[in-house]
Amino acid sequence: MEHVAQTYQDHARAIWKLGMPLILSNLAMFAIHITDTIMLGWYDVTALAASTIAGTMFFVIFIVGAGFAQAVTPMVAAAAEEHDETQVRRVTRMGLWLSIIYGLAVTLPFFWAEQILVAIGQDPDVAALAHIYLQIVIWQMVPALIVMTLKSFLAALEHTAVILWATIGAAILNAVVNYALIFGNWGAPELGIQGAAIASLTVNLFSVAVLVAYTLWKLPQFQLFRNFWRSDGEIMKRVYRLGWPIGLTSLAEGGLFSASAVMMGWIGALELAAHGIAIQLASLTFMVHIGFSQAATVRAGRALGRRDEVSLRKGGATAITMSAVYAAITSVVFLLMPDVLVSLFVDPTDPDRDALVRIGASLIVVAALFQLVDGLQVMALGLLRGVQDTAVPMVIATVSYWVIGMPVSYVLAFTLGWGGVGLWLGLVIGLAVAAVLLSWRFWGRSVRIAS
């Protein structure tokens, strides 16, 4: 079938239409995290600390398994472009299989969460509360991975509006259940951190129900759950080979920021607090880049399905440009008003307010550079996933983050005595190396896959 050539404007409109619901969905997910943080912070500081360390432990395990879900997007997009409904079903089903198998396999260590957390140096009281939280939250591992897989399936088919509305519904439900069960409002029992865990589990079960119902109602032609128990070894191997490098790449990046927080804590408590504020702001703006990257994965996957080199390159250039323009805008905002942004997070009566704002503002200035390179590297990763290239990008990302970025951060922060600013500059350098190498990989790879 002959395809009509698309202009850059056509690509921009398509990426915007596909990406905007994904961006808003990412922001809604961020709102869920912020809601949990605020409500537990209001309830009890120890409970907040426990949920933070427990959430980090859960997320590190979850993000590896999420690679199988993310592998579904490019494979389904390519199959859909070839009008192969059977292949769409096979890929999504095996993505669900791998997610469920992984989710069940990793539950066991969580039953010894308290002992593990104490062994790595956490406060015993915090570890005990974190254990209580995780005994409930662990049961959401499988539902959460199922949600990720179904979102990948729907995004690949460009059914992104339901992802947005399901996430908004989940955010509202999370706030309501948290408010009721953490504090004991509306006649509900006051469960504290257990209430937050129940809310989190409830939200994921709700999301599974919504996305499954939508799939059965709106996309019956794929018969996604018919004979679900039948294995498909060939496709499972393909999803596995594509998915595990994605999971490890995400782990490498997530681990980088977790390690940076530990290192910032070595510098001082105020520096760590400022780091937390700066990371929250950078994470908020990063949600937009992730949405554009997810849209780019789908568009690249469809171009791959057509073997359309011109569309692949034009679409890639358009997606990167859109992300770069947004990064430039946010960088200007960060440079013009760093003090104002940091002060939004600090109690005006806090005696350490001036020092915290000063330290945080210096990090926000570095975060302006952060915006440009972090946006470019995640766009390149998204495009490479779209053309089903994940193993080499995993190596590039791991080397850039851990062999270059982390040692440079240490040298600048501690050997040269630049403190928190030096640590962040090291992160920028690591991300910049990843951005350059991943971009180089995509522009070379896009020619070869189309031939």
Protein backbone atom coordinates (compact mmCIF):
# COMPACT_ATOMS: atom_id res chain seq x y z
CA MET A 1 0.00 0.00 0.00
CA GLU A 2 1.31 3.43 -0.93
CA HIS A 3 1.45 5.94 1.89
CA VAL A 4 1.05 9.68 1.43
CA ALA A 5 4.16 11.58 2.53
CA GLN A 6 3.58 13.63 5.68
CA THR A 7 4.96 17.11 6.26
CA TYR A 8 6.69 18.19 9.46
CA GLN A 9 3.45 19.98 10.40
CA ASP A 10 1.51 16.72 9.95
CA HIS A 11 3.96 14.95 12.23
CA ALA A 12 3.74 17.73 14.82
CA ARG A 13 -0.06 17.56 14.87
CA ALA A 14 -0.02 13.76 15.17
CA ILE A 15 2.55 13.80 18.00
CA TRP A 16 0.62 16.52 19.82
CA LYS A 17 -2.69 14.65 19.48
CA LEU A 18 -1.15 11.40 20.63
CA GLY A 19 1.18 12.87 23.23
CA MET A 20 -1.06 15.36 25.05
CA PRO A 21 -3.28 12.74 26.76
CA LEU A 22 -0.12 10.83 27.71
CA ILE A 23 1.47 13.99 29.13
CA LEU A 24 -1.65 14.79 31.16
CA SER A 25 -1.82 11.17 32.30
CA ASN A 26 1.80 11.38 33.51
CA LEU A 27 0.97 14.59 35.39
CA ALA A 28 -2.04 12.86 36.99
CA MET A 29 0.25 10.03 38.11
CA PHE A 30 2.60 12.63 39.56
CA ALA A 31 -0.39 14.14 41.39
CA ILE A 32 -1.03 10.74 43.01
CA HIS A 33 2.54 10.72 44.35
CA ILE A 34 2.25 14.30 45.62
CA THR A 35 -1.10 13.54 47.29
CA ASP A 36 0.39 10.59 49.15
CA THR A 37 3.36 12.69 50.26
CA ILE A 38 1.25 15.60 51.50
CA MET A 39 -1.36 13.53 53.34
CA LEU A 40 1.13 11.26 55.07
CA GLY A 41 3.24 14.31 55.90
CA TRP A 42 0.20 15.87 57.58
CA TYR A 43 -0.48 12.65 59.48
CA ASP A 44 2.96 11.68 60.78
CA VAL A 45 6.55 12.40 59.74
CA THR A 46 7.70 8.87 60.59
CA ALA A 47 4.90 7.44 58.45
CA LEU A 48 6.00 9.69 55.59
CA ALA A 49 9.61 8.53 55.94
CA ALA A 50 8.47 4.89 56.03
CA SER A 51 6.30 5.25 52.93
CA THR A 52 9.15 7.02 51.14
CA ILE A 53 11.68 4.25 51.73
CA ALA A 54 9.07 1.55 51.12
CA GLY A 55 7.92 3.26 47.93
CA THR A 56 11.52 3.46 46.71
CA MET A 57 12.01 -0.25 47.41
CA PHE A 58 8.79 -1.11 45.57
CA PHE A 59 9.57 1.19 42.63
CA VAL A 60 13.07 -0.23 42.04
CA ILE A 61 11.59 -3.73 41.73
CA PHE A 62 8.58 -2.55 39.72
CA ILE A 63 10.52 -0.54 37.14
CA VAL A 64 12.50 -3.61 36.02
CA GLY A 65 9.33 -5.62 35.37
CA ALA A 66 7.73 -2.64 33.64
CA GLY A 67 10.20 -3.18 30.79
CA PHE A 68 8.05 -6.06 29.52
CA ALA A 69 5.01 -3.78 29.48
CA GLN A 70 6.92 -1.06 27.64
CA ALA A 71 8.11 -3.57 25.04
CA VAL A 72 4.47 -4.06 24.04
CA THR A 73 4.16 -0.51 22.64
CA PRO A 74 6.55 -0.69 19.65
CA MET A 75 5.64 -4.29 18.82
CA VAL A 76 1.90 -3.61 18.83
CA ALA A 77 2.36 -0.35 16.91
CA ALA A 78 4.27 -2.15 14.15
CA ALA A 79 1.74 -5.00 14.02
CA ALA A 80 -1.19 -2.56 13.94
CA GLU A 81 0.37 -0.71 11.02
CA GLU A 82 0.52 -4.03 9.18
CA HIS A 83 -3.17 -4.65 10.12
CA ASP A 84 -2.17 -7.87 11.86
CA GLU A 85 -4.75 -8.17 14.66
CA THR A 86 -3.54 -11.65 15.57
CA GLN A 87 0.00 -10.36 16.16
CA VAL A 88 -1.36 -7.51 18.29
CA ARG A 89 -3.17 -10.03 20.47
CA ARG A 90 -0.18 -12.37 20.70
CA VAL A 91 2.23 -9.60 21.71
CA THR A 92 -0.07 -8.03 24.30
CA ARG A 93 -1.02 -11.37 25.81
CA MET A 94 2.60 -12.44 26.24
CA GLY A 95 3.40 -9.00 27.66
CA LEU A 96 0.70 -9.64 30.24
CA TRP A 97 2.04 -13.15 30.89
CA LEU A 98 5.57 -11.89 31.52
CA SER A 99 4.29 -9.06 33.73
CA ILE A 100 2.22 -11.46 35.84
CA ILE A 101 5.03 -14.04 36.13
CA TYR A 102 7.54 -11.35 37.13
CA GLY A 103 5.08 -9.72 39.56
CA LEU A 104 4.45 -13.01 41.36
CA ALA A 105 8.15 -13.95 41.42
CA VAL A 106 9.30 -10.74 43.13
CA THR A 107 6.71 -10.76 45.94
CA LEU A 108 8.68 -13.17 48.15
CA PRO A 109 11.48 -10.82 49.35
CA PHE A 110 8.90 -8.27 50.52
CA PHE A 111 7.81 -10.60 53.32
CA TRP A 112 11.22 -9.90 54.93
CA ALA A 113 11.12 -6.16 54.15
CA GLU A 114 11.72 -5.08 57.76
CA GLN A 115 14.85 -7.19 58.14
CA ILE A 116 16.17 -6.02 54.76
CA LEU A 117 15.62 -2.35 55.56
CA VAL A 118 17.27 -2.63 58.99
CA ALA A 119 20.21 -4.46 57.39
CA ILE A 120 20.82 -1.54 54.99
CA GLY A 121 20.91 0.93 57.86
CA GLN A 122 17.35 2.25 58.13
CA ASP A 123 15.91 3.36 61.47
CA PRO A 124 14.14 0.37 63.13
CA ASP A 125 10.92 2.34 63.73
CA VAL A 126 10.83 3.48 60.11
CA ALA A 127 11.62 -0.06 58.91
CA ALA A 128 8.78 -1.50 61.01
CA LEU A 129 6.24 0.94 59.54
CA ALA A 130 7.59 0.40 56.04
CA HIS A 131 7.12 -3.35 56.52
CA ILE A 132 3.47 -2.83 57.48
CA TYR A 133 2.98 -0.66 54.38
CA LEU A 134 4.66 -3.14 52.05
CA GLN A 135 2.65 -6.14 53.28
CA ILE A 136 -0.37 -4.48 51.65
CA VAL A 137 1.29 -2.68 48.74
CA ILE A 138 3.08 -5.80 47.48
CA TRP A 139 -0.26 -7.18 46.32
CA GLN A 140 -0.50 -4.33 43.83
CA MET A 141 2.67 -5.40 41.98
CA VAL A 142 0.79 -7.66 39.54
CA PRO A 143 -2.16 -5.25 39.03
CA ALA A 144 0.24 -2.33 38.51
CA LEU A 145 2.20 -4.25 35.86
CA ILE A 146 -1.04 -5.29 34.17
CA VAL A 147 -2.07 -1.62 34.07
CA MET A 148 1.28 -0.71 32.49
CA THR A 149 0.87 -3.41 29.83
CA LEU A 150 -2.69 -2.41 28.96
CA LYS A 151 -1.68 1.26 28.77
CA SER A 152 1.13 0.29 26.38
CA PHE A 153 -1.33 -1.70 24.25
CA LEU A 154 -3.83 1.17 24.14
CA ALA A 155 -1.18 3.82 23.46
CA ALA A 156 0.21 1.78 20.55
CA LEU A 157 -3.30 1.72 19.04
CA GLU A 158 -3.56 5.49 19.73
CA HIS A 159 -6.40 5.07 22.25
CA THR A 160 -4.82 7.53 24.66
CA ALA A 161 -7.90 9.39 25.90
CA VAL A 162 -9.00 6.42 28.03
CA ILE A 163 -5.52 6.30 29.60
CA LEU A 164 -5.91 9.93 30.61
CA TRP A 165 -9.41 9.58 32.06
CA ALA A 166 -8.56 6.35 33.87
CA THR A 167 -5.53 8.04 35.47
CA ILE A 168 -7.52 11.12 36.47
CA GLY A 169 -10.15 8.83 38.00
CA ALA A 170 -7.40 6.96 39.83
CA ALA A 171 -5.95 10.22 41.18
CA ILE A 172 -9.34 11.32 42.52
CA LEU A 173 -10.04 7.89 44.03
CA ASN A 174 -6.59 7.87 45.65
CA ALA A 175 -7.20 11.25 47.30
CA VAL A 176 -10.64 10.20 48.58
CA VAL A 177 -9.54 6.84 50.01
CA ASN A 178 -6.39 8.38 51.51
CA TYR A 179 -8.41 11.11 53.20
CA ALA A 180 -10.85 8.58 54.61
CA LEU A 181 -8.48 5.84 55.74
CA ILE A 182 -5.34 7.72 56.77
CA PHE A 183 -7.16 10.17 59.06
CA GLY A 184 -10.34 8.21 59.84
CA ASN A 185 -12.70 10.68 58.17
CA TRP A 186 -16.35 10.08 57.18
CA GLY A 187 -16.70 7.31 59.77
CA ALA A 188 -13.85 5.24 58.35
CA PRO A 189 -11.24 3.71 60.67
CA GLU A 190 -8.03 5.72 61.21
CA LEU A 191 -5.39 3.44 59.69
CA GLY A 192 -2.51 5.85 59.06
CA ILE A 193 0.11 4.33 56.78
CA GLN A 194 -2.02 1.21 56.30
CA GLY A 195 -4.75 3.44 54.91
CA ALA A 196 -2.33 4.88 52.35
CA ALA A 197 -1.34 1.35 51.32
CA ILE A 198 -4.98 0.29 50.94
CA ALA A 199 -5.63 3.38 48.83
CA SER A 200 -2.73 2.52 46.55
CA LEU A 201 -3.92 -1.07 46.09
CA THR A 202 -7.50 0.10 45.48
CA VAL A 203 -6.36 2.54 42.79
CA ASN A 204 -4.51 -0.16 40.87
CA LEU A 205 -7.43 -2.59 41.02
CA PHE A 206 -9.72 0.20 39.82
CA SER A 207 -7.36 0.95 36.92
CA VAL A 208 -7.22 -2.71 35.87
CA ALA A 209 -11.03 -2.89 35.87
CA VAL A 210 -11.40 0.29 33.79
CA LEU A 211 -8.81 -0.64 31.18
CA VAL A 212 -10.03 -4.25 30.83
CA ALA A 213 -13.63 -3.05 30.47
CA TYR A 214 -12.63 -0.50 27.83
CA THR A 215 -10.64 -3.09 25.88
CA LEU A 216 -13.56 -5.54 25.86
CA TRP A 217 -16.04 -2.80 24.91
CA LYS A 218 -14.13 -0.72 22.37
CA LEU A 219 -11.59 -3.18 20.95
CA PRO A 220 -13.39 -6.55 20.76
CA GLN A 221 -11.76 -7.36 17.41
CA PHE A 222 -8.47 -8.17 19.16
CA GLN A 223 -10.11 -10.77 21.45
CA LEU A 224 -7.36 -10.02 23.93
CA PHE A 225 -8.56 -12.31 26.72
CA ARG A 226 -9.86 -15.22 24.65
CA ASN A 227 -7.99 -18.41 25.56
CA PHE A 228 -5.73 -16.26 27.71
CA TRP A 229 -4.14 -19.32 29.32
CA ARG A 230 -2.55 -20.48 26.05
CA SER A 231 1.19 -19.87 25.97
CA ASP A 232 3.04 -18.55 22.91
CA GLY A 233 6.73 -19.32 23.27
CA GLU A 234 7.90 -17.57 20.10
CA ILE A 235 6.29 -14.21 20.93
CA MET A 236 7.13 -14.48 24.62
CA LYS A 237 10.82 -14.75 23.71
CA ARG A 238 10.57 -11.67 21.47
CA VAL A 239 8.82 -9.60 24.15
CA TYR A 240 11.34 -10.78 26.73
CA ARG A 241 14.35 -9.93 24.53
CA LEU A 242 12.99 -6.46 23.87
CA GLY A 243 11.69 -5.83 27.39
CA TRP A 244 14.47 -6.78 29.81
CA PRO A 245 16.93 -4.18 28.46
CA ILE A 246 14.20 -1.52 28.83
CA GLY A 247 13.71 -2.51 32.46
CA LEU A 248 17.44 -2.43 33.21
CA THR A 249 17.82 0.93 31.44
CA SER A 250 15.07 2.36 33.64
CA LEU A 251 16.75 0.83 36.69
CA ALA A 252 20.08 2.42 35.73
CA GLU A 253 18.47 5.87 35.44
CA GLY A 254 16.33 5.50 38.55
CA GLY A 255 19.31 4.18 40.49
CA LEU A 256 21.36 7.18 39.40
CA PHE A 257 18.96 9.60 41.05
CA SER A 258 18.59 7.42 44.15
CA ALA A 259 22.39 7.34 44.50
CA SER A 260 22.58 11.10 43.99
CA ALA A 261 20.20 11.57 46.93
CA VAL A 262 22.44 9.39 49.12
CA MET A 263 25.51 11.39 48.08
CA MET A 264 23.72 14.68 48.70
CA GLY A 265 22.95 13.44 52.20
CA TRP A 266 26.71 13.08 52.76
CA ILE A 267 27.07 16.81 52.10
CA GLY A 268 24.40 17.88 54.60
CA ALA A 269 20.76 17.81 55.64
CA LEU A 270 19.93 21.20 54.11
CA GLU A 271 21.56 20.18 50.83
CA LEU A 272 19.51 16.98 50.82
CA ALA A 273 16.30 18.92 51.43
CA ALA A 274 17.18 21.35 48.62
CA HIS A 275 17.98 18.41 46.37
CA GLY A 276 14.54 16.95 47.09
CA ILE A 277 12.85 20.22 46.09
CA ALA A 278 14.89 20.56 42.90
CA ILE A 279 14.19 16.94 41.93
CA GLN A 280 10.45 17.48 42.44
CA LEU A 281 10.51 20.47 40.09
CA ALA A 282 12.65 18.67 37.51
CA SER A 283 10.41 15.59 37.73
CA LEU A 284 7.30 17.68 37.20
CA THR A 285 8.63 19.22 33.99
CA PHE A 286 10.06 15.85 32.92
CA MET A 287 6.55 14.39 32.73
CA VAL A 288 6.05 16.33 29.49
CA HIS A 289 9.22 14.88 27.94
CA ILE A 290 8.10 11.37 28.91
CA GLY A 291 4.75 11.95 27.19
CA PHE A 292 6.45 13.14 24.00
CA SER A 293 8.82 10.15 24.20
CA GLN A 294 5.91 7.71 24.54
CA ALA A 295 4.23 9.30 21.51
CA ALA A 296 7.51 9.09 19.60
CA THR A 297 7.76 5.36 20.38
CA VAL A 298 4.32 4.76 18.87
CA ARG A 299 5.01 6.89 15.79
CA ALA A 300 8.40 5.23 15.22
CA GLY A 301 6.84 1.79 15.69
CA ARG A 302 4.23 2.52 13.04
CA ALA A 303 6.86 3.85 10.64
CA LEU A 304 8.81 0.64 11.24
CA GLY A 305 5.70 -1.40 10.42
CA ARG A 306 5.47 0.43 7.06
CA ARG A 307 9.27 0.37 6.49
CA ASP A 308 8.90 4.11 5.94
CA GLU A 309 12.35 5.63 6.45
CA VAL A 310 11.30 9.16 5.48
CA SER A 311 8.43 9.23 7.96
CA LEU A 312 10.64 7.72 10.66
CA ARG A 313 13.29 10.41 10.28
CA LYS A 314 10.83 13.30 9.89
CA GLY A 315 8.78 12.12 12.85
CA GLY A 316 11.90 11.67 14.97
CA ALA A 317 13.18 15.15 14.14
CA THR A 318 9.76 16.67 14.86
CA ALA A 319 9.40 14.93 18.23
CA ILE A 320 12.90 15.96 19.32
CA THR A 321 12.26 19.56 18.24
CA MET A 322 8.99 19.75 20.17
CA SER A 323 10.70 18.40 23.29
CA ALA A 324 13.63 20.80 22.85
CA VAL A 325 11.36 23.85 22.52
CA TYR A 326 9.58 22.88 25.73
CA ALA A 327 12.95 22.29 27.45
CA ALA A 328 14.14 25.74 26.37
CA ILE A 329 11.02 27.38 27.83
CA THR A 330 11.31 25.58 31.17
CA SER A 331 15.05 26.32 31.29
CA VAL A 332 14.36 30.05 30.92
CA VAL A 333 11.79 29.87 33.72
CA PHE A 334 14.28 28.05 35.96
CA LEU A 335 16.99 30.61 35.24
CA LEU A 336 14.77 33.66 35.77
CA MET A 337 13.08 32.70 39.04
CA PRO A 338 14.96 29.96 40.93
CA ASP A 339 14.40 31.60 44.34
CA VAL A 340 10.67 31.89 43.77
CA LEU A 341 10.33 28.26 42.71
CA VAL A 342 12.22 26.90 45.72
CA SER A 343 10.40 29.17 48.19
CA LEU A 344 7.07 27.57 47.18
CA PHE A 345 8.21 24.43 49.01
CA VAL A 346 9.53 26.08 52.17
CA ASP A 347 7.62 27.20 55.26
CA PRO A 348 8.08 31.00 55.59
CA THR A 349 8.60 30.59 59.35
CA ASP A 350 11.32 27.93 59.00
CA PRO A 351 14.55 29.31 60.56
CA ASP A 352 16.58 27.59 57.81
CA ARG A 353 14.45 29.08 55.04
CA ASP A 354 17.02 31.54 53.66
CA ALA A 355 19.81 28.97 53.54
CA LEU A 356 17.53 26.35 51.99
CA VAL A 357 16.28 28.73 49.30
CA ARG A 358 19.84 29.80 48.51
CA ILE A 359 21.08 26.21 48.12
CA GLY A 360 17.98 25.14 46.22
CA ALA A 361 18.19 28.09 43.85
CA SER A 362 21.77 27.15 42.90
CA LEU A 363 20.55 23.63 42.03
CA ILE A 364 17.62 24.99 40.02
CA VAL A 365 20.07 26.98 37.87
CA VAL A 366 21.90 23.72 37.07
CA ALA A 367 18.50 22.09 36.47
CA ALA A 368 18.06 24.50 33.54
CA LEU A 369 20.88 22.61 31.78
CA PHE A 370 19.38 19.39 33.08
CA GLN A 371 16.15 20.08 31.15
CA LEU A 372 17.85 20.14 27.75
CA VAL A 373 20.00 17.01 28.04
CA ASP A 374 17.47 14.93 29.99
CA GLY A 375 14.77 15.71 27.45
CA LEU A 376 17.02 14.75 24.53
CA GLN A 377 18.15 11.47 26.05
CA VAL A 378 14.61 10.30 26.88
CA MET A 379 13.43 11.26 23.37
CA ALA A 380 16.24 9.24 21.80
CA LEU A 381 15.40 6.29 24.05
CA GLY A 382 11.74 6.49 23.02
CA LEU A 383 12.58 6.57 19.32
CA LEU A 384 15.00 3.64 19.64
CA ARG A 385 12.34 1.61 21.44
CA GLY A 386 10.00 2.41 18.58
CA VAL A 387 12.38 0.70 16.14
CA GLN A 388 12.77 -2.17 18.65
CA ASP A 389 16.39 -1.37 19.50
CA THR A 390 16.89 -1.74 23.27
CA ALA A 391 20.02 -3.79 24.06
CA VAL A 392 22.69 -1.35 22.84
CA PRO A 393 20.82 1.68 24.28
CA MET A 394 20.83 -0.13 27.65
CA VAL A 395 24.64 -0.37 27.51
CA ILE A 396 24.97 3.26 26.39
CA ALA A 397 22.70 4.50 29.17
CA THR A 398 24.37 2.40 31.89
CA VAL A 399 27.88 3.52 30.90
CA SER A 400 26.81 7.17 30.58
CA TYR A 401 25.03 7.23 33.94
CA TRP A 402 27.29 5.06 36.08
CA VAL A 403 30.74 4.96 34.47
CA ILE A 404 30.76 8.67 33.55
CA GLY A 405 28.01 10.60 35.37
CA MET A 406 28.31 9.18 38.87
CA PRO A 407 32.15 9.33 39.18
CA VAL A 408 32.18 12.87 37.76
CA SER A 409 29.52 13.86 40.30
CA TYR A 410 31.66 12.48 43.11
CA VAL A 411 34.83 14.22 41.92
CA LEU A 412 33.13 17.58 41.42
CA ALA A 413 31.17 17.40 44.68
CA PHE A 414 33.80 16.02 47.05
CA THR A 415 37.29 16.01 45.50
CA LEU A 416 36.98 19.53 44.10
CA GLY A 417 34.64 20.66 46.88
CA TRP A 418 31.88 22.05 44.67
CA GLY A 419 29.20 20.49 46.87
CA GLY A 420 25.66 20.02 45.63
CA VAL A 421 26.17 22.07 42.47
CA GLY A 422 29.09 19.86 41.51
CA LEU A 423 27.03 16.74 42.12
CA TRP A 424 24.29 18.02 39.82
CA LEU A 425 26.79 19.08 37.14
CA GLY A 426 28.06 15.49 37.13
CA LEU A 427 24.51 14.27 36.52
CA VAL A 428 24.17 16.75 33.65
CA ILE A 429 27.41 15.49 32.10
CA GLY A 430 26.30 11.86 32.34
CA LEU A 431 22.91 12.64 30.81
CA ALA A 432 24.56 14.74 28.08
CA VAL A 433 26.82 11.84 27.07
CA ALA A 434 23.77 9.55 26.96
CA ALA A 435 21.84 12.09 24.89
CA VAL A 436 24.62 12.39 22.28
CA LEU A 437 25.31 8.66 21.98
CA LEU A 438 21.64 7.62 21.93
CA SER A 439 20.84 10.25 19.31
CA TRP A 440 23.77 9.08 17.19
CA ARG A 441 22.49 5.50 17.57
CA PHE A 442 18.98 6.45 16.43
CA TRP A 443 20.01 8.38 13.32
CA GLY A 444 22.27 5.54 12.22
CA ARG A 445 19.78 2.84 13.17
CA SER A 446 16.81 4.47 11.45
CA VAL A 447 18.51 4.10 8.08
CA ARG A 448 19.41 0.45 8.56
CA ILE A 449 16.00 -0.76 9.76
CA ALA A 450 14.26 0.79 6.80
CA SER A 451 16.45 -0.90 4.21
